[in-house]
C-alpha atoms as a PDB file:
ATOM      1  CA  MET A   1       8.024  -6.619 -23.354  1.00  0.00           C
ATOM      2  CA  ALA A   2      11.254  -4.999 -22.180  1.00  0.00           C
ATOM      3  CA  ALA A   3      11.276  -2.371 -19.450  1.00  0.00           C
ATOM      4  CA  LEU A   4      11.493   1.200 -20.662  1.00  0.00           C
ATOM      5  CA  THR A   5      14.844   2.979 -20.666  1.00  0.00           C
ATOM      6  CA  ILE A   6      15.609   6.687 -20.399  1.00  0.00           C
ATOM      7  CA  ALA A   7      16.384   6.653 -24.122  1.00  0.00           C
ATOM      8  CA  ASP A   8      12.876   5.258 -24.737  1.00  0.00           C
ATOM      9  CA  LEU A   9      11.385   8.040 -22.643  1.00  0.00           C
ATOM     10  CA  LEU A  10      13.248  10.710 -24.596  1.00  0.00           C
ATOM     11  CA  GLU A  11      11.977   9.224 -27.865  1.00  0.00           C
ATOM     12  CA  ARG A  12       8.436   9.242 -26.504  1.00  0.00           C
ATOM     13  CA  ASN A  13       8.912  12.866 -25.473  1.00  0.00           C
ATOM     14  CA  LYS A  14       9.865  13.814 -29.043  1.00  0.00           C
ATOM     15  CA  ALA A  15       6.610  12.275 -30.236  1.00  0.00           C
ATOM     16  CA  THR A  16       4.617  14.551 -27.888  1.00  0.00           C
ATOM     17  CA  LEU A  17       6.221  17.848 -28.885  1.00  0.00           C
ATOM     18  CA  ALA A  18       3.909  18.593 -31.811  1.00  0.00           C
ATOM     19  CA  SER A  19       0.817  18.416 -29.589  1.00  0.00           C
ATOM     20  CA  HIS A  20       2.339  19.952 -26.442  1.00  0.00           C
ATOM     21  CA  ASN A  21       0.399  22.831 -24.927  1.00  0.00           C
ATOM     22  CA  PRO A  22       2.735  25.200 -23.089  1.00  0.00           C
ATOM     23  CA  ILE A  23       2.395  25.104 -19.316  1.00  0.00           C
ATOM     24  CA  PRO A  24       2.341  28.538 -17.671  1.00  0.00           C
ATOM     25  CA  THR A  25       5.305  29.630 -15.573  1.00  0.00           C
ATOM     26  CA  LEU A  26       4.726  30.522 -11.918  1.00  0.00           C
ATOM     27  CA  ASP A  27       4.833  34.229 -12.820  1.00  0.00           C
ATOM     28  CA  GLU A  28       2.295  33.700 -15.616  1.00  0.00           C
ATOM     29  CA  MET A  29       0.046  31.792 -13.228  1.00  0.00           C
ATOM     30  CA  LYS A  30       0.243  34.669 -10.760  1.00  0.00           C
ATOM     31  CA  ASP A  31      -0.593  37.231 -13.478  1.00  0.00           C
ATOM     32  CA  LEU A  32      -3.518  35.078 -14.644  1.00  0.00           C
ATOM     33  CA  LYS A  33      -4.640  34.631 -11.018  1.00  0.00           C
ATOM     34  CA  VAL A  34      -4.469  30.850 -11.372  1.00  0.00           C
ATOM     35  CA  PRO A  35      -4.838  29.418  -7.882  1.00  0.00           C
ATOM     36  CA  VAL A  36      -1.939  27.524  -6.364  1.00  0.00           C
ATOM     37  CA  PRO A  37      -2.912  23.922  -5.539  1.00  0.00           C
ATOM     38  CA  LYS A  38      -4.186  23.550  -1.988  1.00  0.00           C
ATOM     39  CA  VAL A  39      -4.148  19.742  -1.926  1.00  0.00           C
ATOM     40  CA  MET A  40      -1.131  17.455  -1.843  1.00  0.00           C
ATOM     41  CA  ILE A  41      -1.454  13.758  -2.526  1.00  0.00           C
ATOM     42  CA  VAL A  42       1.189  11.498  -1.005  1.00  0.00           C
ATOM     43  CA  THR A  43       1.105   8.171  -2.787  1.00  0.00           C
ATOM     44  CA  CYS A  44       3.196   5.191  -3.790  1.00  0.00           C
ATOM     45  CA  LEU A  45       5.736   5.313  -6.580  1.00  0.00           C
ATOM     46  CA  ASP A  46       4.261   2.069  -7.950  1.00  0.00           C
ATOM     47  CA  SER A  47       3.658   2.653 -11.664  1.00  0.00           C
ATOM     48  CA  ARG A  48       0.139   1.215 -11.343  1.00  0.00           C
ATOM     49  CA  CYS A  49      -0.850   3.864  -8.794  1.00  0.00           C
ATOM     50  CA  VAL A  50      -1.405   7.071 -10.780  1.00  0.00           C
ATOM     51  CA  PRO A  51      -3.564   9.651  -8.968  1.00  0.00           C
ATOM     52  CA  GLU A  52      -3.737  11.840 -12.060  1.00  0.00           C
ATOM     53  CA  LYS A  53      -5.750   9.011 -13.639  1.00  0.00           C
ATOM     54  CA  TYR A  54      -7.869   7.698 -10.758  1.00  0.00           C
ATOM     55  CA  PHE A  55      -8.836  11.236  -9.661  1.00  0.00           C
ATOM     56  CA  ASN A  56      -9.168  12.507 -13.269  1.00  0.00           C
ATOM     57  CA  LEU A  57      -6.731  15.387 -12.701  1.00  0.00           C
ATOM     58  CA  GLN A  58      -5.217  17.937 -15.021  1.00  0.00           C
ATOM     59  CA  VAL A  59      -1.829  19.664 -14.855  1.00  0.00           C
ATOM     60  CA  GLY A  60      -1.868  22.139 -11.970  1.00  0.00           C
ATOM     61  CA  ASP A  61      -4.887  20.699 -10.115  1.00  0.00           C
ATOM     62  CA  ILE A  62      -2.939  19.329  -7.168  1.00  0.00           C
ATOM     63  CA  VAL A  63       0.575  18.535  -5.993  1.00  0.00           C
ATOM     64  CA  VAL A  64       1.657  14.884  -5.996  1.00  0.00           C
ATOM     65  CA  HIS A  65       4.454  13.488  -3.826  1.00  0.00           C
ATOM     66  CA  ARG A  66       5.432   9.921  -4.649  1.00  0.00           C
ATOM     67  CA  ASN A  67       7.664   7.630  -2.641  1.00  0.00           C
ATOM     68  CA  ALA A  68       7.988   3.958  -1.763  1.00  0.00           C
ATOM     69  CA  GLY A  69       4.757   2.909  -0.106  1.00  0.00           C
ATOM     70  CA  GLY A  70       3.181   6.383  -0.180  1.00  0.00           C
ATOM     71  CA  ASN A  71       4.955   6.980   3.109  1.00  0.00           C
ATOM     72  CA  GLY A  72       3.628  10.037   4.956  1.00  0.00           C
ATOM     73  CA  PRO A  73       6.619  10.485   7.278  1.00  0.00           C
ATOM     74  CA  ALA A  74       8.977  10.329   4.271  1.00  0.00           C
ATOM     75  CA  ALA A  75       6.926  13.144   2.680  1.00  0.00           C
ATOM     76  CA  LEU A  76       7.123  15.434   5.729  1.00  0.00           C
ATOM     77  CA  HIS A  77       9.925  17.525   4.223  1.00  0.00           C
ATOM     78  CA  ASP A  78       7.936  18.325   1.068  1.00  0.00           C
ATOM     79  CA  ILE A  79       4.664  18.875   2.937  1.00  0.00           C
ATOM     80  CA  VAL A  80       6.301  21.440   5.221  1.00  0.00           C
ATOM     81  CA  VAL A  81       8.210  23.171   2.408  1.00  0.00           C
ATOM     82  CA  PHE A  82       5.271  23.407  -0.029  1.00  0.00           C
ATOM     83  CA  ASP A  83       2.925  24.504   2.770  1.00  0.00           C
ATOM     84  CA  SER A  84       5.378  27.278   3.704  1.00  0.00           C
ATOM     85  CA  LEU A  85       6.253  28.535   0.225  1.00  0.00           C
ATOM     86  CA  PHE A  86       2.913  28.559  -1.576  1.00  0.00           C
ATOM     87  CA  ASP A  87       0.360  30.190   0.718  1.00  0.00           C
ATOM     88  CA  GLY A  88      -0.399  27.014   2.636  1.00  0.00           C
ATOM     89  CA  LEU A  89      -2.002  23.690   1.917  1.00  0.00           C
ATOM     90  CA  ASP A  90      -5.580  23.002   2.974  1.00  0.00           C
ATOM     91  CA  GLU A  91      -5.441  19.217   2.730  1.00  0.00           C
ATOM     92  CA  VAL A  92      -3.057  16.282   2.403  1.00  0.00           C
ATOM     93  CA  ALA A  93      -4.269  12.894   1.181  1.00  0.00           C
ATOM     94  CA  ILE A  94      -2.167   9.864   2.100  1.00  0.00           C
ATOM     95  CA  VAL A  95      -3.187   7.333  -0.560  1.00  0.00           C
ATOM     96  CA  HIS A  96      -2.039   3.740  -0.208  1.00  0.00           C
ATOM     97  CA  HIS A  97      -3.117   1.006  -2.627  1.00  0.00           C
ATOM     98  CA  THR A  98      -4.006  -2.658  -2.752  1.00  0.00           C
ATOM     99  CA  ASP A  99      -1.315  -5.161  -3.758  1.00  0.00           C
ATOM    100  CA  CYS A 100       1.443  -2.804  -2.643  1.00  0.00           C
ATOM    101  CA  GLY A 101       4.976  -4.173  -2.745  1.00  0.00           C
ATOM    102  CA  ALA A 102       5.440  -2.902   0.818  1.00  0.00           C
ATOM    103  CA  LEU A 103       3.069  -5.722   1.880  1.00  0.00           C
ATOM    104  CA  ARG A 104       5.513  -8.331   0.584  1.00  0.00           C
ATOM    105  CA  VAL A 105       8.527  -7.381   2.694  1.00  0.00           C
ATOM    106  CA  THR A 106       9.509  -6.647   6.264  1.00  0.00           C
ATOM    107  CA  GLU A 107      11.699  -3.863   7.573  1.00  0.00           C
ATOM    108  CA  GLU A 108      14.451  -6.460   8.031  1.00  0.00           C
ATOM    109  CA  ASP A 109      14.058  -7.709   4.444  1.00  0.00           C
ATOM    110  CA  ILE A 110      14.530  -4.200   3.121  1.00  0.00           C
ATOM    111  CA  ALA A 111      17.482  -3.444   5.389  1.00  0.00           C
ATOM    112  CA  SER A 112      19.156  -6.699   4.394  1.00  0.00           C
ATOM    113  CA  ARG A 113      18.662  -6.076   0.674  1.00  0.00           C
ATOM    114  CA  VAL A 114      19.963  -2.504   0.858  1.00  0.00           C
ATOM    115  CA  LYS A 115      22.958  -3.523   2.968  1.00  0.00           C
ATOM    116  CA  GLY A 116      23.674  -6.360   0.531  1.00  0.00           C
ATOM    117  CA  ARG A 117      24.376  -3.764  -2.173  1.00  0.00           C
ATOM    118  CA  LEU A 118      26.719  -1.681  -0.051  1.00  0.00           C
ATOM    119  CA  ASP A 119      30.028  -1.925   1.698  1.00  0.00           C
ATOM    120  CA  GLU A 120      29.641  -2.734   5.402  1.00  0.00           C
ATOM    121  CA  SER A 121      31.067   0.700   6.240  1.00  0.00           C
ATOM    122  CA  HIS A 122      27.701   2.190   5.159  1.00  0.00           C
ATOM    123  CA  TRP A 123      25.393  -0.104   7.098  1.00  0.00           C
ATOM    124  CA  ALA A 124      24.904   2.360   9.964  1.00  0.00           C
ATOM    125  CA  GLU A 125      23.671   4.929   7.405  1.00  0.00           C
ATOM    126  CA  VAL A 126      21.193   2.368   6.100  1.00  0.00           C
ATOM    127  CA  ASP A 127      19.860   1.847   9.621  1.00  0.00           C
ATOM    128  CA  GLU A 128      19.325   5.622   9.904  1.00  0.00           C
ATOM    129  CA  LEU A 129      16.910   5.429   6.950  1.00  0.00           C
ATOM    130  CA  ARG A 130      14.452   3.362   9.010  1.00  0.00           C
ATOM    131  CA  PRO A 131      11.567   2.951   8.918  1.00  0.00           C
ATOM    132  CA  PHE A 132      11.576   1.908   5.277  1.00  0.00           C
ATOM    133  CA  GLY A 133       7.815   1.596   5.003  1.00  0.00           C
ATOM    134  CA  ALA A 134       7.079  -2.126   5.053  1.00  0.00           C
ATOM    135  CA  VAL A 135       3.428  -2.672   5.989  1.00  0.00           C
ATOM    136  CA  THR A 136       1.126  -5.553   6.850  1.00  0.00           C
ATOM    137  CA  ASP A 137      -2.180  -3.742   6.213  1.00  0.00           C
ATOM    138  CA  VAL A 138      -2.493  -0.764   3.847  1.00  0.00           C
ATOM    139  CA  ALA A 139      -5.613   0.678   5.501  1.00  0.00           C
ATOM    140  CA  GLU A 140      -4.041   0.522   8.944  1.00  0.00           C
ATOM    141  CA  SER A 141      -0.805   1.971   7.590  1.00  0.00           C
ATOM    142  CA  ALA A 142      -2.647   4.929   6.038  1.00  0.00           C
ATOM    143  CA  LYS A 143      -4.332   5.617   9.396  1.00  0.00           C
ATOM    144  CA  GLU A 144      -1.048   5.370  11.323  1.00  0.00           C
ATOM    145  CA  GLN A 145       0.718   7.726   8.941  1.00  0.00           C
ATOM    146  CA  VAL A 146      -2.079  10.288   9.120  1.00  0.00           C
ATOM    147  CA  GLU A 147      -1.924  10.158  12.919  1.00  0.00           C
ATOM    148  CA  TRP A 148       1.887  10.538  12.809  1.00  0.00           C
ATOM    149  CA  LEU A 149       1.650  13.614  10.557  1.00  0.00           C
ATOM    150  CA  ARG A 150      -1.158  15.154  12.637  1.00  0.00           C
ATOM    151  CA  ALA A 151       1.003  14.779  15.748  1.00  0.00           C
ATOM    152  CA  HIS A 152       4.190  16.169  14.192  1.00  0.00           C
ATOM    153  CA  PRO A 153       5.236  19.599  15.505  1.00  0.00           C
ATOM    154  CA  LEU A 154       6.421  20.804  12.064  1.00  0.00           C
ATOM    155  CA  VAL A 155       2.954  20.391  10.545  1.00  0.00           C
ATOM    156  CA  ARG A 156       0.964  23.622  10.844  1.00  0.00           C
ATOM    157  CA  GLU A 157      -1.944  23.273  13.299  1.00  0.00           C
ATOM    158  CA  GLU A 158      -4.513  24.478  10.747  1.00  0.00           C
ATOM    159  CA  LEU A 159      -3.396  21.763   8.308  1.00  0.00           C
ATOM    160  CA  LYS A 160      -3.565  18.829  10.736  1.00  0.00           C
ATOM    161  CA  SER A 161      -7.354  18.377  10.495  1.00  0.00           C
ATOM    162  CA  GLY A 162      -7.050  18.368   6.687  1.00  0.00           C
ATOM    163  CA  ILE A 163      -4.793  15.296   6.592  1.00  0.00           C
ATOM    164  CA  HIS A 164      -6.659  12.130   5.643  1.00  0.00           C
ATOM    165  CA  GLY A 165      -5.845   8.552   4.683  1.00  0.00           C
ATOM    166  CA  PHE A 166      -7.202   6.545   1.760  1.00  0.00           C
ATOM    167  CA  VAL A 167      -6.774   3.232  -0.035  1.00  0.00           C
ATOM    168  CA  PHE A 168      -6.961   2.965  -3.815  1.00  0.00           C
ATOM    169  CA  ASP A 169      -8.205  -0.425  -5.036  1.00  0.00           C
ATOM    170  CA  LEU A 170      -6.237  -1.395  -8.152  1.00  0.00           C
ATOM    171  CA  LYS A 171      -8.962  -3.773  -9.358  1.00  0.00           C
ATOM    172  CA  THR A 172     -12.081  -1.599  -8.915  1.00  0.00           C
ATOM    173  CA  GLY A 173     -10.488   1.874  -9.205  1.00  0.00           C
ATOM    174  CA  LYS A 174     -12.310   3.015  -6.061  1.00  0.00           C
ATOM    175  CA  VAL A 175     -10.587   5.280  -3.537  1.00  0.00           C
ATOM    176  CA  GLU A 176     -11.936   4.752  -0.038  1.00  0.00           C
ATOM    177  CA  GLN A 177     -11.332   7.053   2.931  1.00  0.00           C
ATOM    178  CA  LYS A 178      -9.969   5.277   6.019  1.00  0.00           C
ATOM    179  CA  ILE A 179      -9.426   8.254   8.357  1.00  0.00           C
END
């Protein structure tokens, strides 16, 4: 089976239009007194790791931030911005998963691959992107990232105790708290 293209996605979108239920605007949500999500999930961009499915979520239940490896430090910007703009978050869940691609590479592997696609004049910029998020143990990585976020001065003090780390098992579907 071939990988999906953007054209494929647009065709799939057309097929959903007849059954689409309009999603309220922010102003409509405010008028309806729909609560703003108070939980943000930071998880991997791996297409097998879909928190909307493994937590049985609906549109508007929570906020999801996805990046390579479910990297907490890489999500700091969005955690701070969302927490500031929308009446504050209560909790942040860092959710890593089994069989993550970040387990199969090292920081040097990633740096080498990225640099291999660029002119040498940009290599210093690549080094500024570190750490890339390579891990050797997903449970330990989730704990380390929670501790990093809890210690960061830009994270509101009241939010720090609400940051927790989890691992989603791709085979069993279970999400287990690690910190």
